[in-house]
Amino acid sequence: MRQASIAVLATVLGALLVSASSFAAAKGPTTCTDTLAPGAYQRVVVPDGAVCITFAGPVTINGGVAVGSGATFVLGSEDNPAHTATINGGVSATNAASVQIHFSTISGGVSLTGGAGPFGPPFDVTWNTLEDNVINGSVTIAGYDGFWQGFFRNRVNGSVNFNNNTVVDPDGNELQTNTINGNLNCSGNTPAPQEGDSGGSPNTVTGQKTGQCTNV
């Protein structure tokens, strides 16, 4: 009888493990087209033209974030100085309208390439900004053509490459008060990287400042 009970228990446990495994395997990418609620996620994808906004966390993302063409991704707010998100797997965007990330920890680096022009929904004008983040990995921001762009008070464990970005606002392309454990490389930006009206301070760089970022 005891052996039979053990056999039945083993069968039930086996079925539960299979079910749990199937559930885990079924939990795939999250497509965000509105609000990303506090919680834990695998990969988060913002489709082309979509808007994904989360002003408060905590959010944990373990498979990275991908932002599509013409899409907007907002995580955290300058007005809410609390840790918003932990992102493992990095952040990548291709021709996005706006990528705005505040008070978050990103492991795996950041790659923002291209843009979608200076005007459009949901804010009428477009802008990229990375503020008050810890970024483990390199940062590449290249070819953005929005209205304004800023990079402030980040701690980057890797190099920052800021190239060929053209924004409408003459106070745009502001890079200030960052600590970069690597190089800061800048070229081909209009306007050149600057303090603008940010009231920030020069970047602290353990490697080299090159090109347009020599004096910022």
N, C-alpha and C. Protein backbone atom coordinates (compact mmCIF):
# COMPACT_ATOMS: atom_id res chain seq x y z
N MET A 1 0.83 -1.19 0.00
CA MET A 1 0.00 0.00 0.00
C MET A 1 0.87 1.25 0.00
N ARG A 2 1.94 1.22 0.86
CA ARG A 2 2.85 2.36 0.93
C ARG A 2 3.54 2.57 -0.41
N GLN A 3 3.95 1.45 -1.05
CA GLN A 3 4.60 1.56 -2.35
C GLN A 3 3.65 2.11 -3.40
N ALA A 4 2.39 1.70 -3.31
CA ALA A 4 1.40 2.20 -4.27
C ALA A 4 1.18 3.70 -4.08
N SER A 5 1.13 4.13 -2.79
CA SER A 5 0.95 5.56 -2.51
C SER A 5 2.13 6.37 -3.04
N ILE A 6 3.35 5.82 -2.85
CA ILE A 6 4.53 6.51 -3.35
C ILE A 6 4.49 6.62 -4.87
N ALA A 7 4.02 5.54 -5.52
CA ALA A 7 3.93 5.54 -6.97
C ALA A 7 2.94 6.59 -7.46
N VAL A 8 1.78 6.66 -6.78
CA VAL A 8 0.78 7.66 -7.15
C VAL A 8 1.33 9.07 -6.95
N LEU A 9 2.02 9.29 -5.79
CA LEU A 9 2.59 10.60 -5.50
C LEU A 9 3.62 10.99 -6.55
N ALA A 10 4.45 10.05 -6.96
CA ALA A 10 5.46 10.32 -7.98
C ALA A 10 4.80 10.71 -9.30
N THR A 11 3.70 10.02 -9.63
CA THR A 11 2.99 10.34 -10.87
C THR A 11 2.42 11.74 -10.84
N VAL A 12 1.81 12.11 -9.69
CA VAL A 12 1.23 13.45 -9.54
C VAL A 12 2.30 14.52 -9.61
N LEU A 13 3.42 14.28 -8.90
CA LEU A 13 4.52 15.25 -8.92
C LEU A 13 5.08 15.40 -10.33
N GLY A 14 5.18 14.28 -11.03
CA GLY A 14 5.67 14.33 -12.41
C GLY A 14 4.77 15.18 -13.29
N ALA A 15 3.46 14.98 -13.12
CA ALA A 15 2.50 15.76 -13.91
C ALA A 15 2.60 17.24 -13.58
N LEU A 16 2.77 17.56 -12.28
CA LEU A 16 2.90 18.95 -11.88
C LEU A 16 4.15 19.58 -12.46
N LEU A 17 5.26 18.83 -12.46
CA LEU A 17 6.49 19.35 -13.03
C LEU A 17 6.36 19.61 -14.51
N VAL A 18 5.69 18.71 -15.22
CA VAL A 18 5.45 18.90 -16.65
C VAL A 18 4.62 20.14 -16.88
N SER A 19 3.57 20.30 -16.05
CA SER A 19 2.70 21.47 -16.19
C SER A 19 3.48 22.75 -15.92
N ALA A 20 4.31 22.74 -14.84
CA ALA A 20 5.09 23.92 -14.50
C ALA A 20 6.06 24.25 -15.61
N SER A 21 6.69 23.19 -16.17
CA SER A 21 7.64 23.41 -17.25
C SER A 21 6.95 24.00 -18.48
N SER A 22 5.77 23.49 -18.78
CA SER A 22 5.02 23.99 -19.93
C SER A 22 4.61 25.44 -19.72
N PHE A 23 4.23 25.76 -18.45
CA PHE A 23 3.83 27.14 -18.15
C PHE A 23 5.01 28.08 -18.33
N ALA A 24 6.19 27.65 -17.81
CA ALA A 24 7.37 28.49 -17.93
C ALA A 24 7.75 28.69 -19.38
N ALA A 25 7.65 27.64 -20.18
CA ALA A 25 8.01 27.74 -21.58
C ALA A 25 7.04 28.63 -22.34
N ALA A 26 5.78 28.64 -21.86
CA ALA A 26 4.77 29.42 -22.57
C ALA A 26 4.89 30.90 -22.28
N LYS A 27 5.57 31.24 -21.16
CA LYS A 27 5.71 32.64 -20.78
C LYS A 27 6.79 33.28 -21.65
N GLY A 28 6.36 33.96 -22.71
CA GLY A 28 7.30 34.53 -23.65
C GLY A 28 7.32 36.04 -23.60
N PRO A 29 7.63 36.67 -24.72
CA PRO A 29 7.72 38.13 -24.77
C PRO A 29 6.39 38.81 -24.45
N THR A 30 6.48 39.98 -23.86
CA THR A 30 5.31 40.81 -23.59
C THR A 30 5.28 41.94 -24.61
N THR A 31 4.17 42.07 -25.31
CA THR A 31 3.99 43.17 -26.25
C THR A 31 3.30 44.31 -25.52
N CYS A 32 3.94 45.46 -25.46
CA CYS A 32 3.40 46.60 -24.73
C CYS A 32 2.92 47.66 -25.70
N THR A 33 1.62 47.96 -25.63
CA THR A 33 1.02 48.98 -26.50
C THR A 33 0.24 50.01 -25.70
N ASP A 34 0.45 50.02 -24.38
CA ASP A 34 -0.29 50.96 -23.54
C ASP A 34 0.54 51.24 -22.28
N THR A 35 0.28 50.49 -21.20
CA THR A 35 0.98 50.67 -19.94
C THR A 35 1.62 49.36 -19.51
N LEU A 36 2.87 49.43 -19.04
CA LEU A 36 3.54 48.26 -18.50
C LEU A 36 3.38 48.31 -16.98
N ALA A 37 2.53 47.44 -16.46
CA ALA A 37 2.22 47.45 -15.03
C ALA A 37 3.42 46.98 -14.22
N PRO A 38 3.53 47.39 -12.95
CA PRO A 38 4.59 46.87 -12.10
C PRO A 38 4.55 45.35 -12.07
N GLY A 39 5.74 44.74 -12.07
CA GLY A 39 5.82 43.29 -12.08
C GLY A 39 7.07 42.81 -12.77
N ALA A 40 7.14 41.51 -13.00
CA ALA A 40 8.30 40.87 -13.63
C ALA A 40 7.92 40.39 -15.03
N TYR A 41 8.83 40.57 -15.97
CA TYR A 41 8.58 40.23 -17.37
C TYR A 41 9.82 39.54 -17.95
N GLN A 42 9.60 38.80 -19.02
CA GLN A 42 10.71 38.35 -19.83
C GLN A 42 11.02 39.49 -20.82
N ARG A 43 11.13 39.21 -22.08
CA ARG A 43 11.42 40.26 -23.06
C ARG A 43 10.20 41.15 -23.24
N VAL A 44 10.43 42.47 -23.34
CA VAL A 44 9.35 43.42 -23.61
C VAL A 44 9.58 44.02 -24.99
N VAL A 45 8.54 43.97 -25.82
CA VAL A 45 8.61 44.47 -27.19
C VAL A 45 7.57 45.57 -27.37
N VAL A 46 8.01 46.73 -27.85
CA VAL A 46 7.10 47.82 -28.21
C VAL A 46 7.02 47.83 -29.74
N PRO A 47 5.90 47.42 -30.32
CA PRO A 47 5.82 47.28 -31.77
C PRO A 47 5.93 48.61 -32.51
N ASP A 48 6.14 48.54 -33.81
CA ASP A 48 6.21 49.73 -34.64
C ASP A 48 4.99 50.63 -34.40
N GLY A 49 5.24 51.91 -34.13
CA GLY A 49 4.17 52.88 -33.98
C GLY A 49 3.43 52.85 -32.66
N ALA A 50 3.76 51.92 -31.77
CA ALA A 50 3.04 51.79 -30.50
C ALA A 50 3.60 52.73 -29.44
N VAL A 51 2.83 52.88 -28.36
CA VAL A 51 3.24 53.73 -27.24
C VAL A 51 3.16 52.89 -25.97
N CYS A 52 4.26 52.82 -25.23
CA CYS A 52 4.32 52.07 -23.97
C CYS A 52 4.87 53.01 -22.90
N ILE A 53 4.05 53.31 -21.89
CA ILE A 53 4.43 54.29 -20.87
C ILE A 53 4.22 53.71 -19.48
N THR A 54 5.25 53.81 -18.65
CA THR A 54 5.16 53.43 -17.25
C THR A 54 5.90 54.47 -16.44
N PHE A 55 5.19 55.23 -15.63
CA PHE A 55 5.81 56.29 -14.85
C PHE A 55 6.32 55.81 -13.50
N ALA A 56 5.80 54.67 -13.02
CA ALA A 56 6.22 54.18 -11.70
C ALA A 56 6.36 52.67 -11.73
N GLY A 57 7.36 52.14 -11.02
CA GLY A 57 7.59 50.72 -10.95
C GLY A 57 7.09 50.15 -9.64
N PRO A 58 7.74 49.09 -9.17
CA PRO A 58 8.95 48.52 -9.75
C PRO A 58 8.65 47.55 -10.90
N VAL A 59 9.53 47.58 -11.89
CA VAL A 59 9.43 46.68 -13.03
C VAL A 59 10.76 45.94 -13.15
N THR A 60 10.68 44.64 -13.38
CA THR A 60 11.87 43.83 -13.66
C THR A 60 11.68 43.17 -15.01
N ILE A 61 12.66 43.35 -15.89
CA ILE A 61 12.62 42.78 -17.24
C ILE A 61 13.88 41.96 -17.42
N ASN A 62 13.73 40.67 -17.68
CA ASN A 62 14.89 39.78 -17.72
C ASN A 62 15.34 39.38 -19.12
N GLY A 63 14.64 39.86 -20.15
CA GLY A 63 15.03 39.49 -21.51
C GLY A 63 15.25 40.68 -22.41
N GLY A 64 15.45 41.85 -21.82
CA GLY A 64 15.72 43.04 -22.62
C GLY A 64 14.46 43.72 -23.15
N VAL A 65 14.66 44.92 -23.71
CA VAL A 65 13.59 45.71 -24.29
C VAL A 65 13.93 46.03 -25.73
N ALA A 66 12.96 45.86 -26.63
CA ALA A 66 13.13 46.20 -28.04
C ALA A 66 12.03 47.17 -28.45
N VAL A 67 12.42 48.32 -29.00
CA VAL A 67 11.48 49.38 -29.37
C VAL A 67 11.50 49.54 -30.89
N GLY A 68 10.32 49.46 -31.50
CA GLY A 68 10.22 49.45 -32.94
C GLY A 68 10.17 50.83 -33.58
N SER A 69 10.09 50.82 -34.89
CA SER A 69 10.08 52.05 -35.68
C SER A 69 8.87 52.92 -35.35
N GLY A 70 9.11 54.21 -35.09
CA GLY A 70 8.02 55.13 -34.79
C GLY A 70 7.38 54.93 -33.43
N ALA A 71 7.92 54.04 -32.62
CA ALA A 71 7.33 53.73 -31.31
C ALA A 71 7.88 54.65 -30.23
N THR A 72 7.14 54.70 -29.11
CA THR A 72 7.54 55.51 -27.95
C THR A 72 7.58 54.61 -26.72
N PHE A 73 8.70 54.68 -25.99
CA PHE A 73 8.87 53.91 -24.76
C PHE A 73 9.29 54.86 -23.65
N VAL A 74 8.47 54.96 -22.59
CA VAL A 74 8.75 55.83 -21.46
C VAL A 74 8.75 54.99 -20.20
N LEU A 75 9.86 55.05 -19.46
CA LEU A 75 10.00 54.27 -18.23
C LEU A 75 10.49 55.21 -17.14
N GLY A 76 9.63 55.47 -16.15
CA GLY A 76 9.99 56.37 -15.07
C GLY A 76 9.78 57.82 -15.42
N SER A 77 10.08 58.68 -14.46
CA SER A 77 9.85 60.11 -14.64
C SER A 77 10.86 60.90 -13.82
N GLU A 78 11.30 62.02 -14.36
CA GLU A 78 12.20 62.90 -13.62
C GLU A 78 11.55 63.42 -12.35
N ASP A 79 10.21 63.46 -12.34
CA ASP A 79 9.48 63.98 -11.19
C ASP A 79 9.29 62.94 -10.09
N ASN A 80 9.68 61.68 -10.36
CA ASN A 80 9.51 60.61 -9.37
C ASN A 80 10.86 59.93 -9.16
N PRO A 81 11.72 60.50 -8.29
CA PRO A 81 13.09 60.00 -8.15
C PRO A 81 13.20 58.72 -7.35
N ALA A 82 12.47 57.70 -7.76
CA ALA A 82 12.53 56.38 -7.13
C ALA A 82 12.96 55.37 -8.18
N HIS A 83 13.68 54.33 -7.73
CA HIS A 83 14.14 53.32 -8.69
C HIS A 83 12.95 52.72 -9.41
N THR A 84 12.98 52.79 -10.73
CA THR A 84 11.82 52.38 -11.53
C THR A 84 11.92 50.96 -12.03
N ALA A 85 13.09 50.60 -12.61
CA ALA A 85 13.16 49.30 -13.28
C ALA A 85 14.56 48.70 -13.20
N THR A 86 14.58 47.38 -13.26
CA THR A 86 15.81 46.62 -13.47
C THR A 86 15.64 45.88 -14.79
N ILE A 87 16.54 46.17 -15.73
CA ILE A 87 16.45 45.56 -17.06
C ILE A 87 17.71 44.75 -17.31
N ASN A 88 17.55 43.45 -17.49
CA ASN A 88 18.64 42.57 -17.87
C ASN A 88 18.46 42.19 -19.33
N GLY A 89 19.51 42.33 -20.12
CA GLY A 89 19.40 42.03 -21.54
C GLY A 89 19.44 43.27 -22.41
N GLY A 90 19.60 44.43 -21.78
CA GLY A 90 19.79 45.65 -22.54
C GLY A 90 18.54 46.24 -23.14
N VAL A 91 18.72 47.41 -23.76
CA VAL A 91 17.65 48.13 -24.45
C VAL A 91 18.11 48.44 -25.86
N SER A 92 17.27 48.12 -26.84
CA SER A 92 17.60 48.44 -28.23
C SER A 92 16.39 49.09 -28.90
N ALA A 93 16.66 50.06 -29.76
CA ALA A 93 15.60 50.73 -30.50
C ALA A 93 16.11 51.03 -31.91
N THR A 94 15.22 50.85 -32.89
CA THR A 94 15.56 51.15 -34.28
C THR A 94 14.51 52.08 -34.85
N ASN A 95 14.92 53.32 -35.15
CA ASN A 95 14.02 54.34 -35.72
C ASN A 95 12.83 54.63 -34.81
N ALA A 96 13.05 54.57 -33.51
CA ALA A 96 11.98 54.89 -32.56
C ALA A 96 11.72 56.40 -32.55
N ALA A 97 10.49 56.78 -32.18
CA ALA A 97 10.16 58.19 -32.04
C ALA A 97 10.79 58.75 -30.77
N SER A 98 10.59 58.07 -29.63
CA SER A 98 11.12 58.54 -28.35
C SER A 98 11.46 57.35 -27.46
N VAL A 99 12.61 57.43 -26.80
CA VAL A 99 12.98 56.47 -25.77
C VAL A 99 13.39 57.29 -24.55
N GLN A 100 12.66 57.14 -23.45
CA GLN A 100 12.89 57.93 -22.25
C GLN A 100 12.95 56.98 -21.06
N ILE A 101 14.12 56.89 -20.41
CA ILE A 101 14.31 55.97 -19.30
C ILE A 101 14.94 56.73 -18.13
N HIS A 102 14.31 56.61 -16.95
CA HIS A 102 14.75 57.32 -15.77
C HIS A 102 14.93 56.36 -14.59
N PHE A 103 15.92 56.63 -13.76
CA PHE A 103 16.09 55.96 -12.46
C PHE A 103 16.00 54.44 -12.56
N SER A 104 16.73 53.86 -13.51
CA SER A 104 16.68 52.41 -13.72
C SER A 104 18.09 51.84 -13.80
N THR A 105 18.18 50.52 -13.63
CA THR A 105 19.44 49.80 -13.79
C THR A 105 19.32 48.93 -15.03
N ILE A 106 20.24 49.13 -15.97
CA ILE A 106 20.20 48.42 -17.25
C ILE A 106 21.50 47.63 -17.40
N SER A 107 21.40 46.33 -17.51
CA SER A 107 22.56 45.48 -17.76
C SER A 107 22.44 44.90 -19.16
N GLY A 108 23.51 45.08 -19.94
CA GLY A 108 23.48 44.64 -21.33
C GLY A 108 23.59 45.79 -22.29
N GLY A 109 23.73 47.01 -21.78
CA GLY A 109 23.95 48.16 -22.64
C GLY A 109 22.70 48.72 -23.27
N VAL A 110 22.90 49.82 -24.01
CA VAL A 110 21.81 50.52 -24.70
C VAL A 110 22.24 50.83 -26.12
N SER A 111 21.37 50.54 -27.09
CA SER A 111 21.62 50.86 -28.49
C SER A 111 20.38 51.52 -29.08
N LEU A 112 20.48 52.83 -29.35
CA LEU A 112 19.40 53.58 -29.97
C LEU A 112 19.90 54.07 -31.32
N THR A 113 19.35 53.55 -32.40
CA THR A 113 19.80 53.92 -33.73
C THR A 113 18.63 54.46 -34.55
N GLY A 114 18.88 55.60 -35.20
CA GLY A 114 17.85 56.20 -36.04
C GLY A 114 16.77 56.89 -35.24
N GLY A 115 15.81 57.44 -35.95
CA GLY A 115 14.70 58.13 -35.32
C GLY A 115 13.51 58.17 -36.27
N ALA A 116 12.47 58.93 -35.89
CA ALA A 116 11.25 58.98 -36.68
C ALA A 116 10.82 60.41 -36.96
N GLY A 117 11.78 61.35 -36.90
CA GLY A 117 11.46 62.75 -37.15
C GLY A 117 11.11 63.49 -35.88
N PRO A 118 11.10 64.85 -35.93
CA PRO A 118 10.92 65.64 -34.72
C PRO A 118 9.49 65.82 -34.23
N PHE A 119 8.51 65.47 -35.05
CA PHE A 119 7.12 65.72 -34.67
C PHE A 119 6.28 64.44 -34.79
N GLY A 120 5.33 64.29 -33.86
CA GLY A 120 4.45 63.13 -33.91
C GLY A 120 3.90 62.80 -32.55
N PRO A 121 2.92 61.90 -32.50
CA PRO A 121 2.29 61.50 -31.24
C PRO A 121 3.27 60.69 -30.39
N PRO A 122 3.00 60.56 -29.09
CA PRO A 122 1.83 61.07 -28.36
C PRO A 122 2.04 62.46 -27.73
N PHE A 123 3.25 63.04 -27.91
CA PHE A 123 3.57 64.31 -27.24
C PHE A 123 3.67 65.48 -28.21
N ASP A 124 3.34 65.28 -29.46
CA ASP A 124 3.46 66.27 -30.54
C ASP A 124 4.90 66.45 -31.01
N VAL A 125 5.86 66.48 -30.07
CA VAL A 125 7.27 66.48 -30.45
C VAL A 125 7.92 65.22 -29.87
N THR A 126 9.06 64.83 -30.43
CA THR A 126 9.73 63.60 -30.01
C THR A 126 11.04 63.94 -29.30
N TRP A 127 11.40 63.09 -28.34
CA TRP A 127 12.72 63.26 -27.72
C TRP A 127 13.18 61.97 -27.08
N ASN A 128 14.50 61.82 -27.06
CA ASN A 128 15.16 60.75 -26.31
C ASN A 128 15.76 61.35 -25.06
N THR A 129 15.67 60.64 -23.95
CA THR A 129 16.42 61.04 -22.76
C THR A 129 16.70 59.84 -21.88
N LEU A 130 17.94 59.73 -21.43
CA LEU A 130 18.34 58.74 -20.45
C LEU A 130 18.87 59.51 -19.25
N GLU A 131 18.21 59.36 -18.10
CA GLU A 131 18.54 60.18 -16.94
C GLU A 131 18.59 59.34 -15.66
N ASP A 132 19.68 59.54 -14.89
CA ASP A 132 19.80 58.96 -13.54
C ASP A 132 19.76 57.44 -13.55
N ASN A 133 20.39 56.84 -14.56
CA ASN A 133 20.42 55.38 -14.66
C ASN A 133 21.81 54.84 -14.35
N VAL A 134 21.86 53.57 -13.98
CA VAL A 134 23.10 52.80 -13.95
C VAL A 134 23.06 51.86 -15.14
N ILE A 135 24.04 51.99 -16.03
CA ILE A 135 24.06 51.21 -17.26
C ILE A 135 25.33 50.37 -17.29
N ASN A 136 25.16 49.07 -17.25
CA ASN A 136 26.29 48.14 -17.32
C ASN A 136 26.41 47.65 -18.75
N GLY A 137 27.40 48.18 -19.46
CA GLY A 137 27.55 47.88 -20.87
C GLY A 137 27.69 49.19 -21.65
N SER A 138 28.04 49.08 -22.90
CA SER A 138 28.26 50.27 -23.71
C SER A 138 26.93 50.91 -24.13
N VAL A 139 27.01 52.19 -24.46
CA VAL A 139 25.86 52.94 -24.94
C VAL A 139 26.18 53.48 -26.33
N THR A 140 25.28 53.22 -27.28
CA THR A 140 25.41 53.78 -28.62
C THR A 140 24.12 54.51 -28.96
N ILE A 141 24.24 55.80 -29.25
CA ILE A 141 23.11 56.61 -29.70
C ILE A 141 23.54 57.24 -31.01
N ALA A 142 22.90 56.85 -32.10
CA ALA A 142 23.39 57.24 -33.42
C ALA A 142 22.24 57.49 -34.39
N GLY A 143 22.35 58.59 -35.14
CA GLY A 143 21.41 58.85 -36.23
C GLY A 143 20.04 59.30 -35.79
N TYR A 144 19.90 59.82 -34.54
CA TYR A 144 18.59 60.27 -34.09
C TYR A 144 18.24 61.60 -34.74
N ASP A 145 16.96 61.76 -35.14
CA ASP A 145 16.53 62.98 -35.81
C ASP A 145 15.27 63.54 -35.17
N GLY A 146 15.23 63.54 -33.83
CA GLY A 146 14.07 64.03 -33.11
C GLY A 146 14.13 65.52 -32.83
N PHE A 147 13.25 65.96 -31.91
CA PHE A 147 13.20 67.39 -31.58
C PHE A 147 14.29 67.77 -30.58
N TRP A 148 14.56 66.88 -29.60
CA TRP A 148 15.53 67.16 -28.54
C TRP A 148 16.09 65.84 -28.03
N GLN A 149 17.27 65.91 -27.41
CA GLN A 149 17.87 64.70 -26.86
C GLN A 149 18.77 65.05 -25.68
N GLY A 150 18.67 64.24 -24.62
CA GLY A 150 19.49 64.48 -23.45
C GLY A 150 20.04 63.19 -22.85
N PHE A 151 21.18 63.32 -22.15
CA PHE A 151 21.84 62.18 -21.50
C PHE A 151 22.47 62.73 -20.22
N PHE A 152 21.81 62.50 -19.05
CA PHE A 152 22.18 63.18 -17.82
C PHE A 152 22.33 62.23 -16.63
N ARG A 153 23.35 62.49 -15.83
CA ARG A 153 23.51 61.88 -14.50
C ARG A 153 23.47 60.36 -14.53
N ASN A 154 23.94 59.79 -15.61
CA ASN A 154 24.02 58.33 -15.70
C ASN A 154 25.40 57.86 -15.26
N ARG A 155 25.44 56.67 -14.70
CA ARG A 155 26.71 55.99 -14.43
C ARG A 155 26.81 54.83 -15.42
N VAL A 156 27.80 54.92 -16.32
CA VAL A 156 27.93 53.94 -17.39
C VAL A 156 29.21 53.15 -17.19
N ASN A 157 29.07 51.85 -17.08
CA ASN A 157 30.23 50.96 -17.00
C ASN A 157 30.51 50.41 -18.39
N GLY A 158 31.09 51.26 -19.21
CA GLY A 158 31.34 50.97 -20.61
C GLY A 158 31.51 52.28 -21.34
N SER A 159 31.79 52.24 -22.62
CA SER A 159 31.98 53.46 -23.40
C SER A 159 30.65 53.98 -23.93
N VAL A 160 30.63 55.29 -24.21
CA VAL A 160 29.46 55.94 -24.78
C VAL A 160 29.84 56.47 -26.15
N ASN A 161 29.06 56.10 -27.17
CA ASN A 161 29.27 56.53 -28.55
C ASN A 161 28.05 57.32 -28.99
N PHE A 162 28.25 58.61 -29.29
CA PHE A 162 27.16 59.53 -29.60
C PHE A 162 27.48 60.19 -30.93
N ASN A 163 26.85 59.67 -32.00
CA ASN A 163 27.29 60.05 -33.34
C ASN A 163 26.13 60.33 -34.29
N ASN A 164 26.31 61.39 -35.12
CA ASN A 164 25.41 61.68 -36.24
C ASN A 164 23.96 61.90 -35.81
N ASN A 165 23.77 62.55 -34.68
CA ASN A 165 22.43 62.89 -34.20
C ASN A 165 22.11 64.34 -34.55
N THR A 166 20.94 64.56 -35.16
CA THR A 166 20.52 65.90 -35.55
C THR A 166 19.16 66.18 -34.94
N VAL A 167 19.09 67.20 -34.07
CA VAL A 167 17.83 67.55 -33.43
C VAL A 167 17.47 69.00 -33.75
N VAL A 168 16.17 69.31 -33.69
CA VAL A 168 15.66 70.62 -34.07
C VAL A 168 16.00 71.67 -33.02
N ASP A 169 15.84 71.34 -31.75
CA ASP A 169 16.05 72.30 -30.67
C ASP A 169 17.53 72.68 -30.59
N PRO A 170 17.87 73.97 -30.66
CA PRO A 170 19.28 74.36 -30.58
C PRO A 170 19.91 74.03 -29.23
N ASP A 171 19.09 73.79 -28.20
CA ASP A 171 19.60 73.35 -26.91
C ASP A 171 19.61 71.83 -26.79
N GLY A 172 19.45 71.15 -27.88
CA GLY A 172 19.41 69.69 -27.85
C GLY A 172 20.80 69.08 -27.83
N ASN A 173 20.83 67.75 -27.81
CA ASN A 173 22.07 66.98 -27.71
C ASN A 173 22.86 67.39 -26.46
N GLU A 174 22.16 67.43 -25.33
CA GLU A 174 22.78 67.80 -24.07
C GLU A 174 23.33 66.55 -23.37
N LEU A 175 24.64 66.54 -23.12
CA LEU A 175 25.30 65.45 -22.40
C LEU A 175 26.03 66.05 -21.21
N GLN A 176 25.52 65.81 -20.00
CA GLN A 176 26.10 66.44 -18.83
C GLN A 176 25.99 65.56 -17.58
N THR A 177 26.97 65.75 -16.70
CA THR A 177 26.95 65.21 -15.34
C THR A 177 26.91 63.69 -15.32
N ASN A 178 27.50 63.05 -16.33
CA ASN A 178 27.57 61.59 -16.36
C ASN A 178 28.92 61.12 -15.83
N THR A 179 28.95 59.91 -15.27
CA THR A 179 30.19 59.24 -14.91
C THR A 179 30.34 58.04 -15.82
N ILE A 180 31.39 58.05 -16.64
CA ILE A 180 31.55 57.04 -17.69
C ILE A 180 32.86 56.30 -17.45
N ASN A 181 32.74 55.02 -17.13
CA ASN A 181 33.92 54.17 -16.94
C ASN A 181 34.29 53.54 -18.28
N GLY A 182 34.83 54.38 -19.15
CA GLY A 182 35.16 54.01 -20.51
C GLY A 182 35.45 55.28 -21.28
N ASN A 183 35.23 55.26 -22.59
CA ASN A 183 35.46 56.43 -23.43
C ASN A 183 34.15 57.12 -23.76
N LEU A 184 34.25 58.41 -24.10
CA LEU A 184 33.11 59.18 -24.58
C LEU A 184 33.47 59.67 -25.98
N ASN A 185 32.85 59.08 -27.00
CA ASN A 185 33.18 59.35 -28.39
C ASN A 185 32.02 60.05 -29.08
N CYS A 186 32.27 61.21 -29.67
CA CYS A 186 31.20 61.99 -30.30
C CYS A 186 31.66 62.54 -31.65
N SER A 187 30.80 62.44 -32.66
CA SER A 187 31.13 63.02 -33.96
C SER A 187 29.85 63.19 -34.78
N GLY A 188 29.85 64.21 -35.66
CA GLY A 188 28.79 64.39 -36.63
C GLY A 188 27.45 64.81 -36.07
N ASN A 189 27.41 65.37 -34.85
CA ASN A 189 26.15 65.75 -34.23
C ASN A 189 25.82 67.22 -34.49
N THR A 190 24.52 67.51 -34.71
CA THR A 190 24.04 68.87 -34.91
C THR A 190 22.83 69.11 -34.01
N PRO A 191 22.94 70.05 -33.02
CA PRO A 191 24.16 70.75 -32.61
C PRO A 191 25.15 69.80 -31.95
N ALA A 192 26.38 70.29 -31.77
CA ALA A 192 27.38 69.49 -31.07
C ALA A 192 26.95 69.26 -29.63
N PRO A 193 27.33 68.16 -29.02
CA PRO A 193 26.99 67.91 -27.61
C PRO A 193 27.39 69.10 -26.74
N GLN A 194 26.50 69.45 -25.78
CA GLN A 194 26.65 70.70 -25.06
C GLN A 194 25.98 70.62 -23.70
N GLU A 195 26.17 71.71 -22.93
CA GLU A 195 25.45 71.89 -21.68
C GLU A 195 24.04 72.37 -21.93
N GLY A 196 23.85 73.21 -22.95
CA GLY A 196 22.53 73.77 -23.23
C GLY A 196 22.03 74.56 -22.04
N ASP A 197 20.75 74.42 -21.74
CA ASP A 197 20.18 75.11 -20.58
C ASP A 197 19.99 74.16 -19.40
N SER A 198 20.72 73.04 -19.40
CA SER A 198 20.53 72.01 -18.38
C SER A 198 21.07 72.40 -17.02
N GLY A 199 22.06 73.30 -16.99
CA GLY A 199 22.69 73.62 -15.73
C GLY A 199 23.54 72.49 -15.18
N GLY A 200 23.92 71.57 -16.05
CA GLY A 200 24.71 70.43 -15.63
C GLY A 200 26.18 70.75 -15.55
N SER A 201 26.98 69.71 -15.29
CA SER A 201 28.43 69.85 -15.16
C SER A 201 29.12 68.91 -16.13
N PRO A 202 30.41 69.13 -16.42
CA PRO A 202 31.11 68.27 -17.36
C PRO A 202 31.10 66.81 -16.93
N ASN A 203 31.18 65.94 -17.91
CA ASN A 203 31.15 64.50 -17.67
C ASN A 203 32.49 64.04 -17.09
N THR A 204 32.42 63.08 -16.18
CA THR A 204 33.62 62.44 -15.64
C THR A 204 33.86 61.15 -16.43
N VAL A 205 35.01 61.08 -17.09
CA VAL A 205 35.30 59.97 -18.00
C VAL A 205 36.64 59.36 -17.62
N THR A 206 36.68 58.05 -17.36
CA THR A 206 37.94 57.41 -16.98
C THR A 206 38.82 57.14 -18.19
N GLY A 207 38.23 57.04 -19.37
CA GLY A 207 39.00 56.83 -20.59
C GLY A 207 39.29 58.15 -21.29
N GLN A 208 38.95 58.21 -22.58
CA GLN A 208 39.21 59.41 -23.37
C GLN A 208 37.90 60.07 -23.80
N LYS A 209 37.95 61.39 -23.92
CA LYS A 209 36.89 62.15 -24.59
C LYS A 209 37.39 62.47 -25.99
N THR A 210 36.61 62.11 -27.01
CA THR A 210 37.09 62.32 -28.38
C THR A 210 36.08 63.14 -29.18
N GLY A 211 36.59 63.74 -30.27
CA GLY A 211 35.74 64.46 -31.20
C GLY A 211 35.01 65.62 -30.56
N GLN A 212 33.71 65.69 -30.80
CA GLN A 212 32.89 66.80 -30.31
C GLN A 212 32.71 66.80 -28.80
N CYS A 213 33.07 65.73 -28.14
CA CYS A 213 32.87 65.65 -26.69
C CYS A 213 34.14 65.95 -25.90
N THR A 214 35.15 66.49 -26.55
CA THR A 214 36.39 66.77 -25.86
C THR A 214 36.21 67.71 -24.68
N ASN A 215 35.29 68.67 -24.82
CA ASN A 215 35.15 69.71 -23.79
C ASN A 215 33.83 69.64 -23.02
N VAL A 216 33.12 68.53 -23.07
CA VAL A 216 31.85 68.45 -22.32
C VAL A 216 31.97 67.46 -21.17
